[in-house]
Each structure stands twice: as structure tokens, then as C-alpha cells.
Amino acid sequence: MSVPLTGLLLLGLAVWIWRDAMRARETANRVCTAACADLGVQLLDETVALHRLRIRREPGRGLRLLRIYAFEYSCTGYDRRRGTIVLSGTEIELFHIEGPHEVE
């Protein structure tokens, strides 16, 4: 394989990884925004942050990226609580918020 072809393949791989990461983050943001609205709480900073990234083997599906995103929300506007959303590939595996989330 020639050097320019190798460089082009590496560039293509980097673009694919970046687009996949952005697609997963957009999915996590969309789910968190909708879930917080449904629960009547406010998603703080209006975004999620990547907390952990792992590779996991799933039976019948092969290797998949497991992304764990963290976010903060507020019930009253004066408190901060943490939540987590887990994506396997780009599929939602878990959505969790801590503590009671009733609006006072």
C-alpha cells in the first residue's frame, strides 16, 4: 500500500469515528432533552458530557462501543442533580436520574 493511500484511509477512518461520536452525542442530547421535559425538570447546560467510553462484546452483534454520558438537571432551578445515559452503539441502553424528581 502506498503512503498517500494509507494516509487517505487513516483520514477516512478519523472522519468516520468523529461522525459516529457526534451522532451518538446528538442522540443522547435529544433523549435527555425529551426525558427532562416529560419529567418536568430542567436539563442544565442543555447538553450531555461523555463520561466513559468502552468496547464491549455483545453476543450475536460483535464488538460495540459503549458510551456513558453524564448530565445535570434541576427540579427547582436552585438544585443540581446528576443523570446518566448509556448508549450501546447508537442505541439507548439505560437512562437514569438520581433522587426524587418531583417538581415542588
C-alpha atoms as a PDB file:
ATOM      1  CA  MET A   1       0.000   0.000   0.000  1.00  0.00           C
ATOM      2  CA  SER A   2       1.416   3.405  -0.882  1.00  0.00           C
ATOM      3  CA  VAL A   3       1.887   6.167   1.666  1.00  0.00           C
ATOM      4  CA  PRO A   4      -0.767   8.509   0.173  1.00  0.00           C
ATOM      5  CA  LEU A   5      -3.334   5.707   0.135  1.00  0.00           C
ATOM      6  CA  THR A   6      -2.567   4.816   3.757  1.00  0.00           C
ATOM      7  CA  GLY A   7      -2.918   8.468   4.755  1.00  0.00           C
ATOM      8  CA  LEU A   8      -6.222   8.710   2.913  1.00  0.00           C
ATOM      9  CA  LEU A   9      -7.527   5.577   4.649  1.00  0.00           C
ATOM     10  CA  LEU A  10      -6.477   6.928   8.056  1.00  0.00           C
ATOM     11  CA  LEU A  11      -8.168  10.239   7.302  1.00  0.00           C
ATOM     12  CA  GLY A  12     -11.350   8.428   6.279  1.00  0.00           C
ATOM     13  CA  LEU A  13     -11.252   6.367   9.480  1.00  0.00           C
ATOM     14  CA  ALA A  14     -10.808   9.516  11.592  1.00  0.00           C
ATOM     15  CA  VAL A  15     -13.786  11.189   9.872  1.00  0.00           C
ATOM     16  CA  TRP A  16     -15.934   8.086  10.384  1.00  0.00           C
ATOM     17  CA  ILE A  17     -15.045   7.930  14.117  1.00  0.00           C
ATOM     18  CA  TRP A  18     -15.778  11.646  14.554  1.00  0.00           C
ATOM     19  CA  ARG A  19     -19.165  11.421  12.766  1.00  0.00           C
ATOM     20  CA  ASP A  20     -20.144   8.336  14.782  1.00  0.00           C
ATOM     21  CA  ALA A  21     -19.267  10.133  18.033  1.00  0.00           C
ATOM     22  CA  MET A  22     -21.280  13.207  17.020  1.00  0.00           C
ATOM     23  CA  ARG A  23     -24.285  11.074  16.028  1.00  0.00           C
ATOM     24  CA  ALA A  24     -24.224   9.283  19.387  1.00  0.00           C
ATOM     25  CA  ARG A  25     -23.916  12.573  21.310  1.00  0.00           C
ATOM     26  CA  GLU A  26     -26.820  14.091  19.359  1.00  0.00           C
ATOM     27  CA  THR A  27     -28.929  11.032  20.203  1.00  0.00           C
ATOM     28  CA  ALA A  28     -28.052  11.321  23.903  1.00  0.00           C
ATOM     29  CA  ASN A  29     -28.848  15.055  23.883  1.00  0.00           C
ATOM     30  CA  ARG A  30     -32.192  14.501  22.161  1.00  0.00           C
ATOM     31  CA  VAL A  31     -33.243  11.740  24.588  1.00  0.00           C
ATOM     32  CA  CYS A  32     -32.169  13.733  27.672  1.00  0.00           C
ATOM     33  CA  THR A  33     -33.968  16.858  26.496  1.00  0.00           C
ATOM     34  CA  ALA A  34     -37.201  14.942  25.844  1.00  0.00           C
ATOM     35  CA  ALA A  35     -36.996  12.922  29.074  1.00  0.00           C
ATOM     36  CA  CYS A  36     -36.355  16.003  31.213  1.00  0.00           C
ATOM     37  CA  ALA A  37     -39.284  17.786  29.562  1.00  0.00           C
ATOM     38  CA  ASP A  38     -41.542  14.758  30.205  1.00  0.00           C
ATOM     39  CA  LEU A  39     -40.459  14.649  33.868  1.00  0.00           C
ATOM     40  CA  GLY A  40     -40.940  18.385  34.308  1.00  0.00           C
ATOM     41  CA  VAL A  41     -37.313  19.062  35.213  1.00  0.00           C
ATOM     42  CA  GLN A  42     -34.780  21.387  33.609  1.00  0.00           C
ATOM     43  CA  LEU A  43     -31.771  19.982  31.725  1.00  0.00           C
ATOM     44  CA  LEU A  44     -28.883  22.164  32.866  1.00  0.00           C
ATOM     45  CA  ASP A  45     -26.249  23.387  30.411  1.00  0.00           C
ATOM     46  CA  GLU A  46     -28.529  21.926  27.698  1.00  0.00           C
ATOM     47  CA  THR A  47     -26.042  19.186  26.899  1.00  0.00           C
ATOM     48  CA  VAL A  48     -24.528  15.860  27.915  1.00  0.00           C
ATOM     49  CA  ALA A  49     -20.840  15.142  28.504  1.00  0.00           C
ATOM     50  CA  LEU A  50     -19.012  11.932  27.638  1.00  0.00           C
ATOM     51  CA  HIS A  51     -18.099  10.296  30.938  1.00  0.00           C
ATOM     52  CA  ARG A  52     -16.736   6.930  29.819  1.00  0.00           C
ATOM     53  CA  LEU A  53     -16.050   5.027  26.601  1.00  0.00           C
ATOM     54  CA  ARG A  54     -15.568   1.254  26.426  1.00  0.00           C
ATOM     55  CA  ILE A  55     -15.555  -1.518  23.874  1.00  0.00           C
ATOM     56  CA  ARG A  56     -17.901  -4.373  24.720  1.00  0.00           C
ATOM     57  CA  ARG A  57     -18.546  -7.706  23.041  1.00  0.00           C
ATOM     58  CA  GLU A  58     -22.235  -8.465  22.588  1.00  0.00           C
ATOM     59  CA  PRO A  59     -23.425 -11.946  21.631  1.00  0.00           C
ATOM     60  CA  GLY A  60     -24.590 -12.041  18.036  1.00  0.00           C
ATOM     61  CA  ARG A  61     -23.563  -8.412  17.422  1.00  0.00           C
ATOM     62  CA  GLY A  62     -19.785  -8.449  17.829  1.00  0.00           C
ATOM     63  CA  LEU A  63     -17.852  -5.539  19.277  1.00  0.00           C
ATOM     64  CA  ARG A  64     -19.740  -2.341  20.091  1.00  0.00           C
ATOM     65  CA  LEU A  65     -18.821   0.962  21.634  1.00  0.00           C
ATOM     66  CA  LEU A  66     -20.441   1.582  24.997  1.00  0.00           C
ATOM     67  CA  ARG A  67     -20.710   5.312  25.680  1.00  0.00           C
ATOM     68  CA  ILE A  68     -21.714   6.648  29.079  1.00  0.00           C
ATOM     69  CA  TYR A  69     -22.817  10.278  29.133  1.00  0.00           C
ATOM     70  CA  ALA A  70     -23.421  12.356  32.245  1.00  0.00           C
ATOM     71  CA  PHE A  71     -25.737  15.337  32.535  1.00  0.00           C
ATOM     72  CA  GLU A  72     -27.152  17.569  35.237  1.00  0.00           C
ATOM     73  CA  TYR A  73     -30.740  18.608  35.774  1.00  0.00           C
ATOM     74  CA  SER A  74     -32.693  20.700  38.254  1.00  0.00           C
ATOM     75  CA  CYS A  75     -36.108  20.197  39.839  1.00  0.00           C
ATOM     76  CA  THR A  76     -36.450  23.699  41.264  1.00  0.00           C
ATOM     77  CA  GLY A  77     -33.920  25.814  39.394  1.00  0.00           C
ATOM     78  CA  TYR A  78     -31.807  26.068  42.563  1.00  0.00           C
ATOM     79  CA  ASP A  79     -30.552  22.493  42.851  1.00  0.00           C
ATOM     80  CA  ARG A  80     -28.261  20.352  40.692  1.00  0.00           C
ATOM     81  CA  ARG A  81     -28.760  16.625  40.291  1.00  0.00           C
ATOM     82  CA  ARG A  82     -26.897  14.126  38.143  1.00  0.00           C
ATOM     83  CA  GLY A  83     -28.189  11.813  35.494  1.00  0.00           C
ATOM     84  CA  THR A  84     -26.669   9.217  33.211  1.00  0.00           C
ATOM     85  CA  ILE A  85     -27.494   7.896  29.787  1.00  0.00           C
ATOM     86  CA  VAL A  86     -25.813   4.800  28.336  1.00  0.00           C
ATOM     87  CA  LEU A  87     -25.614   4.107  24.602  1.00  0.00           C
ATOM     88  CA  SER A  88     -24.541   0.834  23.037  1.00  0.00           C
ATOM     89  CA  GLY A  89     -23.522   1.909  19.570  1.00  0.00           C
ATOM     90  CA  THR A  90     -26.223   4.499  18.934  1.00  0.00           C
ATOM     91  CA  GLU A  91     -28.987   2.613  20.774  1.00  0.00           C
ATOM     92  CA  ILE A  92     -30.204   3.782  24.185  1.00  0.00           C
ATOM     93  CA  GLU A  93     -29.466   1.120  26.777  1.00  0.00           C
ATOM     94  CA  LEU A  94     -30.137   2.993  30.018  1.00  0.00           C
ATOM     95  CA  PHE A  95     -31.459   6.370  31.184  1.00  0.00           C
ATOM     96  CA  HIS A  96     -31.068   7.135  34.891  1.00  0.00           C
ATOM     97  CA  ILE A  97     -31.582  10.185  37.072  1.00  0.00           C
ATOM     98  CA  GLU A  98     -30.704  10.243  40.748  1.00  0.00           C
ATOM     99  CA  GLY A  99     -33.025  11.001  43.612  1.00  0.00           C
ATOM    100  CA  PRO A 100     -36.601  12.195  43.600  1.00  0.00           C
ATOM    101  CA  HIS A 101     -37.549  14.333  40.640  1.00  0.00           C
ATOM    102  CA  GLU A 102     -40.900  15.734  41.667  1.00  0.00           C
ATOM    103  CA  VAL A 103     -41.259  19.429  40.990  1.00  0.00           C
ATOM    104  CA  GLU A 104     -42.057  21.365  44.161  1.00  0.00           C
END
